[in-house]
Amino acid sequence: IMEIKHGRAAMLGFLHVIHIEAGVRFPGYLSGSAELKFSDMPAGLFASLDAVPKLGWIQILAVALACETGYAGRGYSVVKQEDDKAPGDIGGESWVRYDDEAERVYKLNVERQNGRAAMMGITGCLIHELLGVDALYPTGGFAGAAPPEIIDRATAFSGFPSFISV
């Protein structure tokens, strides 16, 4: 169960690195009370984590706690891990389950392998940043900067959800 949970968290963390480094920013405010816009988020791993206000982290922890305890459990939501369910099966009643045993085993192994790769990837990104190089582009050397962002952070989601600006 813990390997699956850590793998899922690492996959989300690695997606965060890719999006932050690419310059993807959502429209609007990350924190309305702190006047912090998504477009103001810095690009570094630790810098972007430090930029989130403390109340934002409390909200994130509250959601994680609700998922772990099953407090937020609904048919379309995440529910508590039960002893009679397969490890990692935290989906509600309306979630897709595979009847074919071979397909279910294959999908679970794919998720575990992707989780393991993401755990190694996010660990490497964190180590690179701690060493003073860019998380995704460490070959620039200790004084080298990352390549320019490929997505303009001010207009990245201006056409959301279509991503097409007319």
N, C-alpha and C. Protein backbone atom coordinates (compact mmCIF):
# COMPACT_ATOMS: atom_id res chain seq x y z
N ILE A 1 0.83 -1.19 0.00
CA ILE A 1 0.00 0.00 0.00
C ILE A 1 0.88 1.25 0.00
N MET A 2 1.93 1.24 0.81
CA MET A 2 2.79 2.43 0.92
C MET A 2 3.55 2.70 -0.37
N GLU A 3 3.98 1.64 -1.06
CA GLU A 3 4.69 1.85 -2.32
C GLU A 3 3.77 2.51 -3.34
N ILE A 4 2.53 2.08 -3.39
CA ILE A 4 1.58 2.66 -4.32
C ILE A 4 1.31 4.12 -3.96
N LYS A 5 1.12 4.40 -2.67
CA LYS A 5 0.86 5.79 -2.24
C LYS A 5 2.05 6.69 -2.55
N HIS A 6 3.25 6.23 -2.22
CA HIS A 6 4.44 7.03 -2.50
C HIS A 6 4.65 7.21 -4.00
N GLY A 7 4.36 6.17 -4.76
CA GLY A 7 4.48 6.28 -6.21
C GLY A 7 3.51 7.29 -6.79
N ARG A 8 2.27 7.29 -6.29
CA ARG A 8 1.29 8.27 -6.77
C ARG A 8 1.70 9.69 -6.40
N ALA A 9 2.20 9.86 -5.19
CA ALA A 9 2.66 11.19 -4.78
C ALA A 9 3.86 11.63 -5.62
N ALA A 10 4.78 10.71 -5.90
CA ALA A 10 5.95 11.04 -6.71
C ALA A 10 5.56 11.39 -8.14
N MET A 11 4.55 10.69 -8.69
CA MET A 11 4.09 11.03 -10.04
C MET A 11 3.53 12.44 -10.07
N LEU A 12 2.75 12.81 -9.05
CA LEU A 12 2.23 14.18 -8.99
C LEU A 12 3.37 15.19 -8.81
N GLY A 13 4.35 14.85 -7.98
CA GLY A 13 5.49 15.73 -7.77
C GLY A 13 6.30 15.94 -9.04
N PHE A 14 6.52 14.87 -9.79
CA PHE A 14 7.30 15.01 -11.02
C PHE A 14 6.53 15.81 -12.07
N LEU A 15 5.22 15.63 -12.13
CA LEU A 15 4.42 16.48 -13.02
C LEU A 15 4.53 17.95 -12.62
N HIS A 16 4.59 18.21 -11.31
CA HIS A 16 4.78 19.58 -10.83
C HIS A 16 6.09 20.15 -11.37
N VAL A 17 7.16 19.37 -11.29
CA VAL A 17 8.46 19.84 -11.77
C VAL A 17 8.39 20.16 -13.26
N ILE A 18 7.82 19.27 -14.04
CA ILE A 18 7.74 19.48 -15.49
C ILE A 18 6.93 20.74 -15.80
N HIS A 19 5.79 20.91 -15.15
CA HIS A 19 4.95 22.07 -15.43
C HIS A 19 5.60 23.37 -14.97
N ILE A 20 6.16 23.38 -13.78
CA ILE A 20 6.79 24.60 -13.25
C ILE A 20 7.98 24.99 -14.12
N GLU A 21 8.81 24.02 -14.48
CA GLU A 21 9.99 24.33 -15.29
C GLU A 21 9.62 24.76 -16.70
N ALA A 22 8.50 24.25 -17.22
CA ALA A 22 8.07 24.62 -18.57
C ALA A 22 7.39 25.98 -18.58
N GLY A 23 7.04 26.50 -17.43
CA GLY A 23 6.40 27.81 -17.36
C GLY A 23 4.89 27.76 -17.34
N VAL A 24 4.31 26.59 -17.16
CA VAL A 24 2.85 26.49 -17.12
C VAL A 24 2.34 27.10 -15.82
N ARG A 25 1.40 28.01 -15.94
CA ARG A 25 0.76 28.62 -14.77
C ARG A 25 -0.73 28.72 -15.04
N PHE A 26 -1.53 28.39 -14.04
CA PHE A 26 -2.98 28.53 -14.18
C PHE A 26 -3.37 29.99 -14.07
N PRO A 27 -4.52 30.37 -14.62
CA PRO A 27 -4.98 31.74 -14.44
C PRO A 27 -5.53 31.94 -13.03
N GLY A 28 -5.54 33.17 -12.60
CA GLY A 28 -6.15 33.48 -11.31
C GLY A 28 -5.17 33.47 -10.16
N TYR A 29 -5.76 33.39 -8.97
CA TYR A 29 -4.99 33.53 -7.74
C TYR A 29 -4.79 32.19 -7.05
N LEU A 30 -3.57 31.97 -6.61
CA LEU A 30 -3.27 30.83 -5.75
C LEU A 30 -3.77 31.14 -4.34
N SER A 31 -3.61 32.38 -3.94
CA SER A 31 -4.10 32.85 -2.64
C SER A 31 -4.63 34.26 -2.82
N GLY A 32 -5.94 34.39 -2.72
CA GLY A 32 -6.55 35.71 -2.86
C GLY A 32 -6.18 36.65 -1.72
N SER A 33 -6.11 36.12 -0.49
CA SER A 33 -5.80 36.97 0.66
C SER A 33 -4.36 37.46 0.64
N ALA A 34 -3.46 36.65 0.09
CA ALA A 34 -2.04 37.05 0.01
C ALA A 34 -1.72 37.73 -1.32
N GLU A 35 -2.74 37.91 -2.18
CA GLU A 35 -2.55 38.52 -3.50
C GLU A 35 -1.47 37.79 -4.30
N LEU A 36 -1.44 36.46 -4.20
CA LEU A 36 -0.46 35.64 -4.89
C LEU A 36 -1.11 34.97 -6.08
N LYS A 37 -0.67 35.35 -7.28
CA LYS A 37 -1.20 34.75 -8.50
C LYS A 37 -0.39 33.52 -8.86
N PHE A 38 -1.01 32.60 -9.60
CA PHE A 38 -0.29 31.44 -10.09
C PHE A 38 0.88 31.87 -10.97
N SER A 39 0.70 32.96 -11.73
CA SER A 39 1.76 33.42 -12.62
C SER A 39 2.97 33.98 -11.86
N ASP A 40 2.81 34.26 -10.57
CA ASP A 40 3.91 34.77 -9.75
C ASP A 40 4.74 33.66 -9.11
N MET A 41 4.36 32.41 -9.32
CA MET A 41 5.09 31.30 -8.71
C MET A 41 6.48 31.19 -9.31
N PRO A 42 7.51 31.07 -8.48
CA PRO A 42 8.86 30.91 -9.00
C PRO A 42 9.05 29.53 -9.62
N ALA A 43 10.11 29.36 -10.40
CA ALA A 43 10.31 28.13 -11.16
C ALA A 43 11.05 27.04 -10.40
N GLY A 44 11.73 27.33 -9.34
CA GLY A 44 12.49 26.32 -8.62
C GLY A 44 11.60 25.41 -7.78
N LEU A 45 12.05 24.18 -7.54
CA LEU A 45 11.27 23.25 -6.74
C LEU A 45 11.05 23.77 -5.33
N PHE A 46 12.13 24.08 -4.64
CA PHE A 46 12.00 24.55 -3.26
C PHE A 46 11.41 25.95 -3.21
N ALA A 47 11.74 26.79 -4.18
CA ALA A 47 11.18 28.14 -4.21
C ALA A 47 9.67 28.12 -4.42
N SER A 48 9.20 27.23 -5.29
CA SER A 48 7.75 27.16 -5.52
C SER A 48 7.03 26.60 -4.31
N LEU A 49 7.67 25.68 -3.58
CA LEU A 49 7.06 25.16 -2.36
C LEU A 49 7.04 26.21 -1.25
N ASP A 50 8.11 27.02 -1.17
CA ASP A 50 8.16 28.07 -0.15
C ASP A 50 7.18 29.19 -0.44
N ALA A 51 6.82 29.37 -1.71
CA ALA A 51 5.92 30.47 -2.07
C ALA A 51 4.46 30.22 -1.65
N VAL A 52 4.11 28.96 -1.42
CA VAL A 52 2.73 28.64 -1.01
C VAL A 52 2.55 29.10 0.44
N PRO A 53 1.51 29.90 0.72
CA PRO A 53 1.27 30.35 2.10
C PRO A 53 0.99 29.18 3.05
N LYS A 54 1.22 29.41 4.34
CA LYS A 54 1.02 28.37 5.34
C LYS A 54 -0.41 27.85 5.36
N LEU A 55 -1.38 28.73 5.20
CA LEU A 55 -2.77 28.28 5.17
C LEU A 55 -3.06 27.40 3.96
N GLY A 56 -2.34 27.62 2.87
CA GLY A 56 -2.47 26.75 1.70
C GLY A 56 -1.98 25.35 2.01
N TRP A 57 -0.87 25.23 2.76
CA TRP A 57 -0.37 23.92 3.14
C TRP A 57 -1.33 23.24 4.11
N ILE A 58 -1.96 24.01 4.98
CA ILE A 58 -2.95 23.42 5.89
C ILE A 58 -4.14 22.87 5.09
N GLN A 59 -4.55 23.56 4.05
CA GLN A 59 -5.63 23.05 3.20
C GLN A 59 -5.21 21.76 2.49
N ILE A 60 -3.99 21.72 1.98
CA ILE A 60 -3.50 20.52 1.30
C ILE A 60 -3.45 19.35 2.27
N LEU A 61 -2.95 19.58 3.49
CA LEU A 61 -2.90 18.52 4.49
C LEU A 61 -4.29 18.08 4.91
N ALA A 62 -5.25 19.01 4.99
CA ALA A 62 -6.63 18.65 5.35
C ALA A 62 -7.25 17.74 4.29
N VAL A 63 -7.00 18.03 3.03
CA VAL A 63 -7.53 17.17 1.96
C VAL A 63 -6.88 15.78 2.02
N ALA A 64 -5.56 15.74 2.24
CA ALA A 64 -4.88 14.45 2.36
C ALA A 64 -5.41 13.66 3.55
N LEU A 65 -5.66 14.34 4.66
CA LEU A 65 -6.20 13.67 5.85
C LEU A 65 -7.61 13.15 5.58
N ALA A 66 -8.42 13.93 4.89
CA ALA A 66 -9.77 13.49 4.56
C ALA A 66 -9.74 12.26 3.66
N CYS A 67 -8.79 12.21 2.75
CA CYS A 67 -8.66 11.03 1.88
C CYS A 67 -8.17 9.82 2.66
N GLU A 68 -7.21 10.02 3.55
CA GLU A 68 -6.66 8.90 4.32
C GLU A 68 -7.68 8.29 5.29
N THR A 69 -8.50 9.13 5.89
CA THR A 69 -9.46 8.65 6.88
C THR A 69 -10.78 8.24 6.26
N GLY A 70 -10.99 8.58 5.00
CA GLY A 70 -12.25 8.26 4.35
C GLY A 70 -13.36 9.25 4.66
N TYR A 71 -13.00 10.36 5.30
CA TYR A 71 -14.01 11.35 5.67
C TYR A 71 -14.70 11.93 4.45
N ALA A 72 -13.96 12.08 3.36
CA ALA A 72 -14.52 12.68 2.15
C ALA A 72 -15.07 11.62 1.20
N GLY A 73 -15.18 10.37 1.68
CA GLY A 73 -15.55 9.26 0.81
C GLY A 73 -16.95 9.37 0.24
N ARG A 74 -17.04 9.41 -1.05
CA ARG A 74 -18.30 9.38 -1.78
C ARG A 74 -18.11 8.39 -2.93
N GLY A 75 -19.17 8.09 -3.63
CA GLY A 75 -19.07 7.15 -4.74
C GLY A 75 -18.17 7.60 -5.86
N TYR A 76 -17.97 8.89 -6.00
CA TYR A 76 -17.15 9.46 -7.07
C TYR A 76 -15.82 9.96 -6.53
N SER A 77 -15.52 9.72 -5.28
CA SER A 77 -14.38 10.33 -4.61
C SER A 77 -13.37 9.26 -4.20
N VAL A 78 -12.43 9.69 -3.38
CA VAL A 78 -11.43 8.80 -2.82
C VAL A 78 -11.92 8.35 -1.45
N VAL A 79 -11.80 7.06 -1.18
CA VAL A 79 -12.26 6.52 0.10
C VAL A 79 -11.08 5.90 0.84
N LYS A 80 -11.29 5.57 2.09
CA LYS A 80 -10.25 4.99 2.94
C LYS A 80 -9.88 3.59 2.44
N GLN A 81 -8.60 3.25 2.58
CA GLN A 81 -8.14 1.90 2.23
C GLN A 81 -8.75 0.91 3.22
N GLU A 82 -9.49 -0.04 2.69
CA GLU A 82 -10.12 -1.07 3.53
C GLU A 82 -9.29 -2.35 3.47
N ASP A 83 -9.35 -3.13 4.55
CA ASP A 83 -8.57 -4.37 4.61
C ASP A 83 -9.03 -5.40 3.59
N ASP A 84 -10.31 -5.38 3.23
CA ASP A 84 -10.83 -6.38 2.30
C ASP A 84 -10.65 -6.00 0.83
N LYS A 85 -10.07 -4.83 0.55
CA LYS A 85 -9.82 -4.40 -0.82
C LYS A 85 -8.35 -4.59 -1.18
N ALA A 86 -8.09 -4.63 -2.46
CA ALA A 86 -6.71 -4.76 -2.93
C ALA A 86 -5.89 -3.54 -2.54
N PRO A 87 -4.58 -3.70 -2.31
CA PRO A 87 -3.75 -2.55 -1.97
C PRO A 87 -3.85 -1.45 -3.03
N GLY A 88 -4.09 -0.23 -2.57
CA GLY A 88 -4.19 0.91 -3.47
C GLY A 88 -5.58 1.15 -4.02
N ASP A 89 -6.53 0.28 -3.72
CA ASP A 89 -7.91 0.44 -4.21
C ASP A 89 -8.64 1.39 -3.28
N ILE A 90 -8.51 2.68 -3.56
CA ILE A 90 -9.13 3.70 -2.72
C ILE A 90 -10.21 4.46 -3.48
N GLY A 91 -10.63 3.93 -4.61
CA GLY A 91 -11.67 4.56 -5.40
C GLY A 91 -13.05 4.22 -4.86
N GLY A 92 -13.99 5.12 -5.05
CA GLY A 92 -15.37 4.89 -4.63
C GLY A 92 -16.04 3.84 -5.50
N GLU A 93 -17.35 3.63 -5.24
CA GLU A 93 -18.09 2.58 -5.95
C GLU A 93 -18.19 2.84 -7.45
N SER A 94 -18.19 4.09 -7.85
CA SER A 94 -18.38 4.40 -9.27
C SER A 94 -17.08 4.38 -10.08
N TRP A 95 -15.96 4.09 -9.44
CA TRP A 95 -14.69 4.02 -10.16
C TRP A 95 -14.61 2.73 -10.96
N VAL A 96 -13.82 2.75 -12.04
CA VAL A 96 -13.67 1.59 -12.92
C VAL A 96 -12.82 0.54 -12.23
N ARG A 97 -13.30 -0.68 -12.25
CA ARG A 97 -12.55 -1.83 -11.78
C ARG A 97 -12.48 -2.82 -12.94
N TYR A 98 -11.40 -3.55 -13.03
CA TYR A 98 -11.20 -4.46 -14.16
C TYR A 98 -11.64 -5.87 -13.76
N ASP A 99 -12.53 -6.44 -14.57
CA ASP A 99 -13.01 -7.80 -14.31
C ASP A 99 -12.00 -8.84 -14.75
N ASP A 100 -11.28 -8.55 -15.82
CA ASP A 100 -10.28 -9.48 -16.33
C ASP A 100 -9.05 -9.44 -15.42
N GLU A 101 -8.72 -10.56 -14.80
CA GLU A 101 -7.62 -10.63 -13.85
C GLU A 101 -6.28 -10.26 -14.49
N ALA A 102 -6.04 -10.72 -15.70
CA ALA A 102 -4.77 -10.42 -16.38
C ALA A 102 -4.63 -8.92 -16.65
N GLU A 103 -5.72 -8.28 -17.05
CA GLU A 103 -5.66 -6.84 -17.31
C GLU A 103 -5.47 -6.07 -16.00
N ARG A 104 -6.13 -6.49 -14.93
CA ARG A 104 -5.99 -5.83 -13.64
C ARG A 104 -4.55 -5.92 -13.13
N VAL A 105 -3.95 -7.09 -13.23
CA VAL A 105 -2.56 -7.29 -12.80
C VAL A 105 -1.62 -6.44 -13.65
N TYR A 106 -1.86 -6.41 -14.96
CA TYR A 106 -1.03 -5.60 -15.85
C TYR A 106 -1.10 -4.12 -15.48
N LYS A 107 -2.32 -3.61 -15.28
CA LYS A 107 -2.49 -2.18 -14.95
C LYS A 107 -1.83 -1.84 -13.63
N LEU A 108 -1.96 -2.74 -12.64
CA LEU A 108 -1.34 -2.50 -11.35
C LEU A 108 0.18 -2.49 -11.46
N ASN A 109 0.73 -3.41 -12.25
CA ASN A 109 2.19 -3.43 -12.44
C ASN A 109 2.67 -2.19 -13.18
N VAL A 110 1.92 -1.72 -14.16
CA VAL A 110 2.28 -0.49 -14.87
C VAL A 110 2.29 0.68 -13.89
N GLU A 111 1.27 0.76 -13.03
CA GLU A 111 1.22 1.86 -12.06
C GLU A 111 2.40 1.79 -11.09
N ARG A 112 2.72 0.59 -10.62
CA ARG A 112 3.87 0.44 -9.71
C ARG A 112 5.17 0.83 -10.38
N GLN A 113 5.38 0.40 -11.62
CA GLN A 113 6.62 0.74 -12.33
C GLN A 113 6.71 2.24 -12.59
N ASN A 114 5.61 2.86 -13.00
CA ASN A 114 5.61 4.31 -13.20
C ASN A 114 5.88 5.04 -11.89
N GLY A 115 5.32 4.53 -10.80
CA GLY A 115 5.56 5.12 -9.49
C GLY A 115 7.01 5.02 -9.08
N ARG A 116 7.61 3.86 -9.34
CA ARG A 116 9.03 3.69 -9.01
C ARG A 116 9.91 4.64 -9.83
N ALA A 117 9.60 4.75 -11.10
CA ALA A 117 10.36 5.68 -11.96
C ALA A 117 10.18 7.11 -11.49
N ALA A 118 8.96 7.48 -11.10
CA ALA A 118 8.70 8.84 -10.63
C ALA A 118 9.42 9.11 -9.31
N MET A 119 9.50 8.11 -8.44
CA MET A 119 10.23 8.29 -7.17
C MET A 119 11.70 8.57 -7.45
N MET A 120 12.28 7.86 -8.40
CA MET A 120 13.68 8.11 -8.76
C MET A 120 13.82 9.48 -9.43
N GLY A 121 12.85 9.82 -10.29
CA GLY A 121 12.92 11.09 -11.00
C GLY A 121 12.82 12.29 -10.08
N ILE A 122 11.87 12.27 -9.16
CA ILE A 122 11.70 13.43 -8.26
C ILE A 122 12.88 13.52 -7.30
N THR A 123 13.42 12.37 -6.88
CA THR A 123 14.61 12.39 -6.02
C THR A 123 15.79 13.01 -6.76
N GLY A 124 15.98 12.65 -8.03
CA GLY A 124 17.05 13.25 -8.82
C GLY A 124 16.87 14.74 -9.00
N CYS A 125 15.65 15.17 -9.26
CA CYS A 125 15.39 16.61 -9.42
C CYS A 125 15.70 17.37 -8.14
N LEU A 126 15.30 16.82 -7.00
CA LEU A 126 15.57 17.48 -5.72
C LEU A 126 17.08 17.55 -5.44
N ILE A 127 17.78 16.47 -5.73
CA ILE A 127 19.24 16.47 -5.52
C ILE A 127 19.91 17.47 -6.44
N HIS A 128 19.49 17.53 -7.70
CA HIS A 128 20.08 18.51 -8.62
C HIS A 128 19.89 19.92 -8.09
N GLU A 129 18.69 20.23 -7.62
CA GLU A 129 18.46 21.59 -7.13
C GLU A 129 19.26 21.87 -5.86
N LEU A 130 19.39 20.87 -4.98
CA LEU A 130 20.21 21.06 -3.78
C LEU A 130 21.69 21.28 -4.13
N LEU A 131 22.13 20.70 -5.25
CA LEU A 131 23.51 20.89 -5.69
C LEU A 131 23.72 22.22 -6.41
N GLY A 132 22.63 22.94 -6.67
CA GLY A 132 22.75 24.26 -7.28
C GLY A 132 22.58 24.29 -8.77
N VAL A 133 22.13 23.19 -9.37
CA VAL A 133 21.87 23.18 -10.80
C VAL A 133 20.37 23.05 -11.02
N ASP A 134 19.95 23.27 -12.24
CA ASP A 134 18.54 23.21 -12.56
C ASP A 134 18.04 21.78 -12.43
N ALA A 135 16.78 21.62 -11.97
CA ALA A 135 16.23 20.30 -11.70
C ALA A 135 16.13 19.45 -12.96
N LEU A 136 15.69 20.03 -14.06
CA LEU A 136 15.51 19.25 -15.29
C LEU A 136 16.69 19.36 -16.25
N TYR A 137 17.50 20.41 -16.10
CA TYR A 137 18.62 20.63 -17.01
C TYR A 137 19.92 20.77 -16.22
N PRO A 138 20.36 19.70 -15.56
CA PRO A 138 21.55 19.83 -14.72
C PRO A 138 22.85 19.94 -15.49
N THR A 139 22.84 19.71 -16.79
CA THR A 139 24.08 19.73 -17.56
C THR A 139 24.60 21.14 -17.81
N GLY A 140 23.87 22.16 -17.38
CA GLY A 140 24.32 23.53 -17.55
C GLY A 140 25.46 23.88 -16.62
N GLY A 141 25.81 23.03 -15.68
CA GLY A 141 26.88 23.31 -14.73
C GLY A 141 26.36 24.09 -13.54
N PHE A 142 27.23 24.32 -12.59
CA PHE A 142 26.81 25.00 -11.37
C PHE A 142 26.42 26.45 -11.63
N ALA A 143 26.99 27.07 -12.64
CA ALA A 143 26.64 28.46 -12.94
C ALA A 143 25.66 28.55 -14.10
N GLY A 144 25.35 27.44 -14.71
CA GLY A 144 24.49 27.45 -15.89
C GLY A 144 23.03 27.60 -15.52
N ALA A 145 22.33 28.33 -16.31
CA ALA A 145 20.89 28.51 -16.09
C ALA A 145 20.13 27.56 -17.00
N ALA A 146 18.87 27.38 -16.68
CA ALA A 146 18.01 26.53 -17.50
C ALA A 146 17.70 27.24 -18.81
N PRO A 147 17.34 26.48 -19.82
CA PRO A 147 16.90 27.10 -21.06
C PRO A 147 15.67 27.97 -20.80
N PRO A 148 15.36 28.87 -21.69
CA PRO A 148 14.18 29.71 -21.47
C PRO A 148 12.91 28.87 -21.43
N GLU A 149 11.92 29.36 -20.71
CA GLU A 149 10.66 28.64 -20.61
C GLU A 149 10.02 28.51 -21.98
N ILE A 150 9.42 27.35 -22.24
CA ILE A 150 8.82 27.12 -23.55
C ILE A 150 7.36 27.57 -23.59
N ILE A 151 6.80 27.89 -22.44
CA ILE A 151 5.41 28.35 -22.38
C ILE A 151 5.39 29.68 -21.65
N ASP A 152 4.74 30.66 -22.22
CA ASP A 152 4.63 31.96 -21.58
C ASP A 152 3.73 31.85 -20.37
N ARG A 153 4.27 32.14 -19.17
CA ARG A 153 3.49 31.93 -17.96
C ARG A 153 2.30 32.87 -17.83
N ALA A 154 2.32 34.00 -18.48
CA ALA A 154 1.20 34.94 -18.38
C ALA A 154 -0.01 34.50 -19.19
N THR A 155 0.24 33.77 -20.29
CA THR A 155 -0.87 33.40 -21.17
C THR A 155 -1.02 31.89 -21.32
N ALA A 156 -0.40 31.10 -20.45
CA ALA A 156 -0.40 29.65 -20.61
C ALA A 156 -1.79 29.06 -20.64
N PHE A 157 -2.69 29.56 -19.81
CA PHE A 157 -4.03 29.00 -19.75
C PHE A 157 -5.08 30.06 -20.07
N SER A 158 -4.74 31.00 -20.92
CA SER A 158 -5.70 32.07 -21.24
C SER A 158 -6.92 31.52 -21.97
N GLY A 159 -6.77 30.45 -22.74
CA GLY A 159 -7.91 29.86 -23.43
C GLY A 159 -8.45 28.63 -22.73
N PHE A 160 -8.14 28.48 -21.45
CA PHE A 160 -8.55 27.30 -20.70
C PHE A 160 -10.05 27.11 -20.77
N PRO A 161 -10.61 25.97 -21.04
CA PRO A 161 -9.94 24.69 -21.12
C PRO A 161 -9.54 24.27 -22.52
N SER A 162 -9.77 25.10 -23.51
CA SER A 162 -9.50 24.67 -24.88
C SER A 162 -8.03 24.81 -25.25
N PHE A 163 -7.25 25.63 -24.54
CA PHE A 163 -5.84 25.88 -24.82
C PHE A 163 -5.62 26.46 -26.20
N ILE A 164 -6.65 26.94 -26.82
CA ILE A 164 -6.53 27.54 -28.15
C ILE A 164 -6.92 29.01 -28.03
N SER A 165 -6.00 29.87 -28.38
CA SER A 165 -6.32 31.30 -28.34
C SER A 165 -6.67 31.75 -29.75
N VAL A 166 -7.75 32.46 -29.86
CA VAL A 166 -8.24 32.89 -31.17
C VAL A 166 -7.85 34.33 -31.40
